[in-house]
C-alpha atoms as a PDB file:
ATOM      1  CA  MET A   1       0.000   0.000   0.000  1.00  0.00           C
ATOM      2  CA  ASN A   2       3.059   2.266   0.253  1.00  0.00           C
ATOM      3  CA  ASP A   3       2.764   3.519  -3.313  1.00  0.00           C
ATOM      4  CA  THR A   4      -1.018   3.754  -3.280  1.00  0.00           C
ATOM      5  CA  LYS A   5      -2.561   7.083  -2.372  1.00  0.00           C
ATOM      6  CA  ILE A   6      -5.077   7.011   0.472  1.00  0.00           C
ATOM      7  CA  ALA A   7      -8.167   9.231   0.537  1.00  0.00           C
ATOM      8  CA  LEU A   8     -10.654   9.715   3.374  1.00  0.00           C
ATOM      9  CA  VAL A   9     -14.094  10.958   2.349  1.00  0.00           C
ATOM     10  CA  THR A  10     -16.485  11.854   5.176  1.00  0.00           C
ATOM     11  CA  GLY A  11     -20.182  11.190   4.718  1.00  0.00           C
ATOM     12  CA  ALA A  12     -19.182   8.786   1.957  1.00  0.00           C
ATOM     13  CA  ASN A  13     -21.984   6.240   2.286  1.00  0.00           C
ATOM     14  CA  LYS A  14     -24.338   8.016  -0.150  1.00  0.00           C
ATOM     15  CA  GLY A  15     -24.899  10.924  -2.518  1.00  0.00           C
ATOM     16  CA  ILE A  16     -22.018  13.191  -3.465  1.00  0.00           C
ATOM     17  CA  GLY A  17     -19.723  11.645  -0.847  1.00  0.00           C
ATOM     18  CA  PHE A  18     -20.127   8.198  -2.358  1.00  0.00           C
ATOM     19  CA  ALA A  19     -19.578   9.620  -5.853  1.00  0.00           C
ATOM     20  CA  ILE A  20     -16.363  11.320  -4.680  1.00  0.00           C
ATOM     21  CA  ALA A  21     -15.166   8.038  -3.169  1.00  0.00           C
ATOM     22  CA  GLN A  22     -16.063   6.254  -6.409  1.00  0.00           C
ATOM     23  CA  GLY A  23     -14.220   8.819  -8.531  1.00  0.00           C
ATOM     24  CA  LEU A  24     -11.042   8.762  -6.446  1.00  0.00           C
ATOM     25  CA  GLY A  25     -11.177   4.974  -6.303  1.00  0.00           C
ATOM     26  CA  ALA A  26     -11.409   4.840 -10.097  1.00  0.00           C
ATOM     27  CA  LEU A  27      -8.199   6.915 -10.223  1.00  0.00           C
ATOM     28  CA  GLY A  28      -6.449   4.253  -8.159  1.00  0.00           C
ATOM     29  CA  TYR A  29      -6.776   5.714  -4.689  1.00  0.00           C
ATOM     30  CA  THR A  30      -7.476   3.459  -1.745  1.00  0.00           C
ATOM     31  CA  VAL A  31     -10.619   4.979  -0.277  1.00  0.00           C
ATOM     32  CA  ALA A  32     -11.450   5.212   3.405  1.00  0.00           C
ATOM     33  CA  VAL A  33     -15.236   5.449   3.583  1.00  0.00           C
ATOM     34  CA  GLY A  34     -16.051   7.656   6.562  1.00  0.00           C
ATOM     35  CA  ALA A  35     -19.615   7.259   7.836  1.00  0.00           C
ATOM     36  CA  ARG A  36     -21.530   7.078  11.112  1.00  0.00           C
ATOM     37  CA  ASP A  37     -23.935   4.273  10.286  1.00  0.00           C
ATOM     38  CA  ASP A  38     -22.273   0.844  10.444  1.00  0.00           C
ATOM     39  CA  ALA A  39     -24.640  -0.875   8.011  1.00  0.00           C
ATOM     40  CA  ARG A  40     -24.619   1.925   5.414  1.00  0.00           C
ATOM     41  CA  ARG A  41     -20.839   2.197   5.653  1.00  0.00           C
ATOM     42  CA  ALA A  42     -20.401  -1.539   5.096  1.00  0.00           C
ATOM     43  CA  GLU A  43     -22.814  -1.430   2.160  1.00  0.00           C
ATOM     44  CA  ALA A  44     -20.912   1.471   0.564  1.00  0.00           C
ATOM     45  CA  VAL A  45     -17.587  -0.361   0.947  1.00  0.00           C
ATOM     46  CA  ALA A  46     -19.132  -3.462  -0.627  1.00  0.00           C
ATOM     47  CA  ARG A  47     -20.509  -1.436  -3.559  1.00  0.00           C
ATOM     48  CA  LEU A  48     -17.123   0.176  -4.178  1.00  0.00           C
ATOM     49  CA  SER A  49     -15.253  -3.110  -3.823  1.00  0.00           C
ATOM     50  CA  ALA A  50     -17.618  -4.765  -6.296  1.00  0.00           C
ATOM     51  CA  THR A  51     -16.368  -2.356  -8.979  1.00  0.00           C
ATOM     52  CA  GLY A  52     -12.722  -3.155  -8.238  1.00  0.00           C
ATOM     53  CA  ILE A  53     -12.047  -0.181  -5.968  1.00  0.00           C
ATOM     54  CA  ASP A  54      -9.835  -0.732  -2.934  1.00  0.00           C
ATOM     55  CA  ALA A  55     -11.974   0.580  -0.073  1.00  0.00           C
ATOM     56  CA  PHE A  56     -12.273   0.169   3.674  1.00  0.00           C
ATOM     57  CA  GLY A  57     -14.711   1.562   6.207  1.00  0.00           C
ATOM     58  CA  VAL A  58     -13.906   4.062   8.919  1.00  0.00           C
ATOM     59  CA  ALA A  59     -16.421   4.656  11.700  1.00  0.00           C
ATOM     60  CA  LEU A  60     -16.676   8.430  11.863  1.00  0.00           C
ATOM     61  CA  ASP A  61     -19.120  10.783  13.537  1.00  0.00           C
ATOM     62  CA  VAL A  62     -17.816  14.245  12.690  1.00  0.00           C
ATOM     63  CA  THR A  63     -19.605  15.744  15.706  1.00  0.00           C
ATOM     64  CA  SER A  64     -17.438  13.723  18.096  1.00  0.00           C
ATOM     65  CA  ASP A  65     -13.834  14.569  18.998  1.00  0.00           C
ATOM     66  CA  GLU A  66     -13.307  11.003  20.185  1.00  0.00           C
ATOM     67  CA  SER A  67     -14.665   9.542  16.947  1.00  0.00           C
ATOM     68  CA  ALA A  68     -12.359  11.744  14.846  1.00  0.00           C
ATOM     69  CA  THR A  69      -9.350  10.674  16.914  1.00  0.00           C
ATOM     70  CA  THR A  70     -10.306   7.000  16.674  1.00  0.00           C
ATOM     71  CA  ALA A  71     -10.793   7.349  12.906  1.00  0.00           C
ATOM     72  CA  ALA A  72      -7.277   8.740  12.575  1.00  0.00           C
ATOM     73  CA  THR A  73      -5.956   5.734  14.520  1.00  0.00           C
ATOM     74  CA  THR A  74      -7.855   3.376  12.195  1.00  0.00           C
ATOM     75  CA  ILE A  75      -6.364   5.028   9.096  1.00  0.00           C
ATOM     76  CA  GLU A  76      -2.876   5.052  10.588  1.00  0.00           C
ATOM     77  CA  ARG A  77      -3.137   1.341  11.371  1.00  0.00           C
ATOM     78  CA  THR A  78      -4.528   0.500   7.922  1.00  0.00           C
ATOM     79  CA  ALA A  79      -2.558   2.845   5.684  1.00  0.00           C
ATOM     80  CA  GLY A  80       0.097   4.658   7.700  1.00  0.00           C
ATOM     81  CA  ARG A  81      -0.642   8.039   6.150  1.00  0.00           C
ATOM     82  CA  LEU A  82      -3.333  10.069   4.393  1.00  0.00           C
ATOM     83  CA  ASP A  83      -2.938  11.738   1.002  1.00  0.00           C
ATOM     84  CA  VAL A  84      -6.387  13.268   0.597  1.00  0.00           C
ATOM     85  CA  LEU A  85      -9.065  14.404   3.032  1.00  0.00           C
ATOM     86  CA  VAL A  86     -12.474  15.360   1.653  1.00  0.00           C
ATOM     87  CA  ASN A  87     -14.672  16.950   4.312  1.00  0.00           C
ATOM     88  CA  ASN A  88     -17.998  16.145   2.671  1.00  0.00           C
ATOM     89  CA  ALA A  89     -20.250  15.268   5.618  1.00  0.00           C
ATOM     90  CA  GLY A  90     -22.999  17.853   5.945  1.00  0.00           C
ATOM     91  CA  ILE A  91     -26.588  18.351   7.000  1.00  0.00           C
ATOM     92  CA  ALA A  92     -29.273  20.808   5.937  1.00  0.00           C
ATOM     93  CA  GLY A  93     -30.919  21.029   9.351  1.00  0.00           C
ATOM     94  CA  ARG A  94     -34.598  21.171  10.281  1.00  0.00           C
ATOM     95  CA  ILE A  95     -36.717  23.788   8.561  1.00  0.00           C
ATOM     96  CA  ASP A  96     -40.143  23.134  10.110  1.00  0.00           C
ATOM     97  CA  GLY A  97     -41.869  25.864  12.104  1.00  0.00           C
ATOM     98  CA  GLY A  98     -39.610  28.636  10.845  1.00  0.00           C
ATOM     99  CA  ALA A  99     -36.534  26.918  12.308  1.00  0.00           C
ATOM    100  CA  GLN A 100     -34.283  28.494   9.621  1.00  0.00           C
ATOM    101  CA  ASP A 101     -36.180  31.738   9.088  1.00  0.00           C
ATOM    102  CA  PRO A 102     -33.712  34.265  10.536  1.00  0.00           C
ATOM    103  CA  THR A 103     -36.524  36.095  12.313  1.00  0.00           C
ATOM    104  CA  THR A 104     -37.565  32.926  14.163  1.00  0.00           C
ATOM    105  CA  LEU A 105     -34.267  31.077  13.999  1.00  0.00           C
ATOM    106  CA  ASP A 106     -34.038  28.037  16.268  1.00  0.00           C
ATOM    107  CA  LEU A 107     -30.604  28.367  17.842  1.00  0.00           C
ATOM    108  CA  ASP A 108     -30.488  24.645  18.588  1.00  0.00           C
ATOM    109  CA  VAL A 109     -30.860  23.994  14.846  1.00  0.00           C
ATOM    110  CA  LEU A 110     -28.094  26.522  14.163  1.00  0.00           C
ATOM    111  CA  ARG A 111     -25.816  24.801  16.693  1.00  0.00           C
ATOM    112  CA  THR A 112     -26.557  21.361  15.254  1.00  0.00           C
ATOM    113  CA  VAL A 113     -25.862  22.431  11.668  1.00  0.00           C
ATOM    114  CA  LEU A 114     -22.670  24.277  12.617  1.00  0.00           C
ATOM    115  CA  ASP A 115     -21.469  21.295  14.651  1.00  0.00           C
ATOM    116  CA  THR A 116     -21.541  19.049  11.570  1.00  0.00           C
ATOM    117  CA  ASN A 117     -20.883  21.414   8.676  1.00  0.00           C
ATOM    118  CA  ALA A 118     -18.178  23.642  10.156  1.00  0.00           C
ATOM    119  CA  PHE A 119     -16.914  22.304  13.482  1.00  0.00           C
ATOM    120  CA  GLY A 120     -16.973  18.775  12.044  1.00  0.00           C
ATOM    121  CA  ALA A 121     -14.559  19.779   9.298  1.00  0.00           C
ATOM    122  CA  VAL A 122     -12.206  21.278  11.897  1.00  0.00           C
ATOM    123  CA  ARG A 123     -12.396  18.192  14.139  1.00  0.00           C
ATOM    124  CA  VAL A 124     -11.631  15.799  11.320  1.00  0.00           C
ATOM    125  CA  THR A 125      -8.981  17.973   9.665  1.00  0.00           C
ATOM    126  CA  ASN A 126      -7.030  18.462  12.884  1.00  0.00           C
ATOM    127  CA  ALA A 127      -7.271  14.773  13.759  1.00  0.00           C
ATOM    128  CA  MET A 128      -5.950  13.848  10.292  1.00  0.00           C
ATOM    129  CA  LEU A 129      -3.223  16.508   9.935  1.00  0.00           C
ATOM    130  CA  PRO A 130      -0.429  14.336  11.383  1.00  0.00           C
ATOM    131  CA  LEU A 131      -1.262  11.658   8.790  1.00  0.00           C
ATOM    132  CA  LEU A 132      -1.549  14.215   5.981  1.00  0.00           C
ATOM    133  CA  ARG A 133       1.876  15.628   6.858  1.00  0.00           C
ATOM    134  CA  ARG A 134       3.372  12.186   6.107  1.00  0.00           C
ATOM    135  CA  ALA A 135       2.120  12.282   2.504  1.00  0.00           C
ATOM    136  CA  PRO A 136       4.227  13.715  -0.331  1.00  0.00           C
ATOM    137  CA  ALA A 137       1.423  15.845  -1.817  1.00  0.00           C
ATOM    138  CA  PRO A 138      -1.452  16.136   0.666  1.00  0.00           C
ATOM    139  CA  ARG A 139      -4.771  17.735  -0.311  1.00  0.00           C
ATOM    140  CA  ILE A 140      -7.747  18.859   1.765  1.00  0.00           C
ATOM    141  CA  VAL A 141     -11.083  19.593   0.083  1.00  0.00           C
ATOM    142  CA  ASN A 142     -13.995  21.114   1.985  1.00  0.00           C
ATOM    143  CA  VAL A 143     -17.342  20.533   0.290  1.00  0.00           C
ATOM    144  CA  SER A 144     -19.177  23.829   0.625  1.00  0.00           C
ATOM    145  CA  SER A 145     -22.099  25.435  -1.221  1.00  0.00           C
ATOM    146  CA  ASN A 146     -22.651  28.649  -3.120  1.00  0.00           C
ATOM    147  CA  MET A 147     -25.540  29.184  -0.692  1.00  0.00           C
ATOM    148  CA  GLY A 148     -22.754  30.265   1.663  1.00  0.00           C
ATOM    149  CA  SER A 149     -21.700  32.999  -0.752  1.00  0.00           C
ATOM    150  CA  LEU A 150     -22.446  36.481   0.573  1.00  0.00           C
ATOM    151  CA  THR A 151     -22.064  37.720  -3.003  1.00  0.00           C
ATOM    152  CA  LEU A 152     -24.373  35.302  -4.809  1.00  0.00           C
ATOM    153  CA  GLN A 153     -26.988  34.723  -2.078  1.00  0.00           C
ATOM    154  CA  THR A 154     -28.416  31.736  -3.926  1.00  0.00           C
ATOM    155  CA  GLY A 155     -31.101  29.279  -2.891  1.00  0.00           C
ATOM    156  CA  PRO A 156     -33.849  29.549  -0.299  1.00  0.00           C
ATOM    157  CA  ILE A 157     -33.391  31.435   2.968  1.00  0.00           C
ATOM    158  CA  LEU A 158     -31.788  28.904   5.321  1.00  0.00           C
ATOM    159  CA  ALA A 159     -30.328  30.858   8.219  1.00  0.00           C
ATOM    160  CA  ALA A 160     -28.490  27.864   9.707  1.00  0.00           C
ATOM    161  CA  TYR A 161     -27.305  26.024   6.604  1.00  0.00           C
ATOM    162  CA  ALA A 162     -26.115  28.997   4.501  1.00  0.00           C
ATOM    163  CA  PRO A 163     -24.026  30.598   7.285  1.00  0.00           C
ATOM    164  CA  SER A 164     -22.511  27.192   8.096  1.00  0.00           C
ATOM    165  CA  LYS A 165     -21.084  27.140   4.571  1.00  0.00           C
ATOM    166  CA  SER A 166     -19.895  30.767   4.827  1.00  0.00           C
ATOM    167  CA  LEU A 167     -18.010  29.717   7.960  1.00  0.00           C
ATOM    168  CA  LEU A 168     -16.602  26.646   6.218  1.00  0.00           C
ATOM    169  CA  ASN A 169     -15.297  28.874   3.404  1.00  0.00           C
ATOM    170  CA  SER A 170     -13.692  31.205   5.934  1.00  0.00           C
ATOM    171  CA  LEU A 171     -12.102  28.289   7.783  1.00  0.00           C
ATOM    172  CA  THR A 172     -10.766  27.033   4.446  1.00  0.00           C
ATOM    173  CA  THR A 173      -8.869  30.294   3.923  1.00  0.00           C
ATOM    174  CA  GLN A 174      -7.517  30.197   7.480  1.00  0.00           C
ATOM    175  CA  TYR A 175      -6.158  26.669   6.977  1.00  0.00           C
ATOM    176  CA  ALA A 176      -4.704  27.626   3.602  1.00  0.00           C
ATOM    177  CA  ARG A 177      -2.912  30.634   5.124  1.00  0.00           C
ATOM    178  CA  GLN A 178      -1.579  28.636   8.079  1.00  0.00           C
ATOM    179  CA  LEU A 179      -0.387  25.804   5.802  1.00  0.00           C
ATOM    180  CA  ALA A 180       0.934  28.097   3.040  1.00  0.00           C
ATOM    181  CA  ASP A 181       4.553  27.065   3.598  1.00  0.00           C
ATOM    182  CA  THR A 182       3.727  23.331   3.624  1.00  0.00           C
ATOM    183  CA  ASP A 183       2.850  20.820   0.910  1.00  0.00           C
ATOM    184  CA  ILE A 184      -0.760  20.672   2.145  1.00  0.00           C
ATOM    185  CA  ILE A 185      -3.120  22.358  -0.326  1.00  0.00           C
ATOM    186  CA  VAL A 186      -6.542  23.317   1.042  1.00  0.00           C
ATOM    187  CA  ASN A 187      -9.549  24.439  -1.028  1.00  0.00           C
ATOM    188  CA  ALA A 188     -13.346  24.475  -0.911  1.00  0.00           C
ATOM    189  CA  CYS A 189     -15.790  23.492  -3.629  1.00  0.00           C
ATOM    190  CA  CYS A 190     -19.442  23.798  -4.557  1.00  0.00           C
ATOM    191  CA  PRO A 191     -20.810  20.621  -6.173  1.00  0.00           C
ATOM    192  CA  GLY A 192     -23.921  22.426  -7.412  1.00  0.00           C
ATOM    193  CA  TYR A 193     -27.559  21.500  -6.924  1.00  0.00           C
ATOM    194  CA  VAL A 194     -27.375  17.718  -7.202  1.00  0.00           C
ATOM    195  CA  ALA A 195     -30.067  15.038  -7.138  1.00  0.00           C
ATOM    196  CA  THR A 196     -29.574  13.428  -3.711  1.00  0.00           C
ATOM    197  CA  ASP A 197     -31.809  12.746  -0.741  1.00  0.00           C
ATOM    198  CA  PHE A 198     -30.435  16.071   0.555  1.00  0.00           C
ATOM    199  CA  THR A 199     -32.340  17.914  -2.217  1.00  0.00           C
ATOM    200  CA  GLY A 200     -35.248  15.489  -2.482  1.00  0.00           C
ATOM    201  CA  PHE A 201     -33.672  14.267  -5.763  1.00  0.00           C
ATOM    202  CA  ASN A 202     -35.114  17.442  -7.286  1.00  0.00           C
ATOM    203  CA  SER A 203     -32.386  18.124  -9.850  1.00  0.00           C
ATOM    204  CA  PRO A 204     -31.166  16.783 -13.180  1.00  0.00           C
ATOM    205  CA  ARG A 205     -27.553  17.058 -11.956  1.00  0.00           C
ATOM    206  CA  THR A 206     -26.098  13.711 -10.894  1.00  0.00           C
ATOM    207  CA  PRO A 207     -23.878  13.010  -7.873  1.00  0.00           C
ATOM    208  CA  THR A 208     -21.093  12.070 -10.310  1.00  0.00           C
ATOM    209  CA  GLN A 209     -21.302  15.541 -11.887  1.00  0.00           C
ATOM    210  CA  GLY A 210     -21.333  17.116  -8.436  1.00  0.00           C
ATOM    211  CA  ALA A 211     -18.316  15.108  -7.343  1.00  0.00           C
ATOM    212  CA  ALA A 212     -16.116  16.187 -10.270  1.00  0.00           C
ATOM    213  CA  ILE A 213     -14.930  19.492  -8.769  1.00  0.00           C
ATOM    214  CA  ALA A 214     -13.996  17.834  -5.443  1.00  0.00           C
ATOM    215  CA  ILE A 215     -12.038  15.161  -7.301  1.00  0.00           C
ATOM    216  CA  HIS A 216     -10.289  17.862  -9.335  1.00  0.00           C
ATOM    217  CA  LEU A 217      -9.227  19.728  -6.185  1.00  0.00           C
ATOM    218  CA  ALA A 218      -8.195  16.481  -4.476  1.00  0.00           C
ATOM    219  CA  THR A 219      -5.780  15.741  -7.312  1.00  0.00           C
ATOM    220  CA  LEU A 220      -4.315  19.226  -7.894  1.00  0.00           C
ATOM    221  CA  PRO A 221      -0.677  19.522  -8.942  1.00  0.00           C
ATOM    222  CA  ASP A 222       1.800  20.998  -6.439  1.00  0.00           C
ATOM    223  CA  ASP A 223       1.444  24.461  -7.992  1.00  0.00           C
ATOM    224  CA  GLY A 224      -2.349  24.356  -7.734  1.00  0.00           C
ATOM    225  CA  PRO A 225      -4.451  27.096  -6.144  1.00  0.00           C
ATOM    226  CA  ARG A 226      -4.735  27.394  -2.370  1.00  0.00           C
ATOM    227  CA  GLY A 227      -7.541  28.724  -0.197  1.00  0.00           C
ATOM    228  CA  GLY A 228      -9.994  29.113  -3.073  1.00  0.00           C
ATOM    229  CA  PHE A 229     -13.667  28.315  -3.572  1.00  0.00           C
ATOM    230  CA  PHE A 230     -14.419  26.601  -6.880  1.00  0.00           C
ATOM    231  CA  ASP A 231     -17.183  24.991  -8.910  1.00  0.00           C
ATOM    232  CA  ASP A 232     -17.233  23.516 -12.422  1.00  0.00           C
ATOM    233  CA  SER A 233     -16.978  27.013 -13.933  1.00  0.00           C
ATOM    234  CA  GLY A 234     -13.984  28.097 -11.883  1.00  0.00           C
ATOM    235  CA  VAL A 235     -13.721  30.523  -8.962  1.00  0.00           C
ATOM    236  CA  VAL A 236     -16.941  31.131  -7.007  1.00  0.00           C
ATOM    237  CA  PRO A 237     -17.245  34.676  -5.593  1.00  0.00           C
ATOM    238  CA  TRP A 238     -18.145  34.576  -1.936  1.00  0.00           C
END
């Protein structure tokens, strides 16, 4: 496994996360499938393995410090290092009863969404950094959304979800600045409005199409961009 690149994708049991795992696996990466649910994680690993992809499951709840630390131990034991981290795990949060109307915002919903979408990325990234530092060309990709763009202000008003992605974009730039003199390249991406259970499958855009930008950023050359926010068309203003 020494010559094989290792990629961890969080929330990889379905949707865009699974498509990212599939895409990296097809490029020859060994894929660590990060997911909370044991059965769904095992099923995802089996589906990937059935297509010839080298994959293994990693129990990972991004809202738990202990889980992130344990996941890093699992990857170290299995692979010894990490070449790519894709922070894909995310939730939309409840919207019933005006929970994400800013004028009636449910702060518990805001906390819950931030804990997965922003704090989760920090937990996992910091747990994995020692393993990433062992890789020759490490890459971190944070899966964001243009709904977090203060410039574009796209999508419905979701006063927990949209700010969680604005924060994730800001964290991305902070990591990129701090790691500027290292080999670790950090960027964020917007997969677009993709047909998943997240969107009620209400889109013609497939998870494979949505995954393409994350895969691109995960495989950037050493002189690739740092601290940016990208979609299929290029730089996303935010």
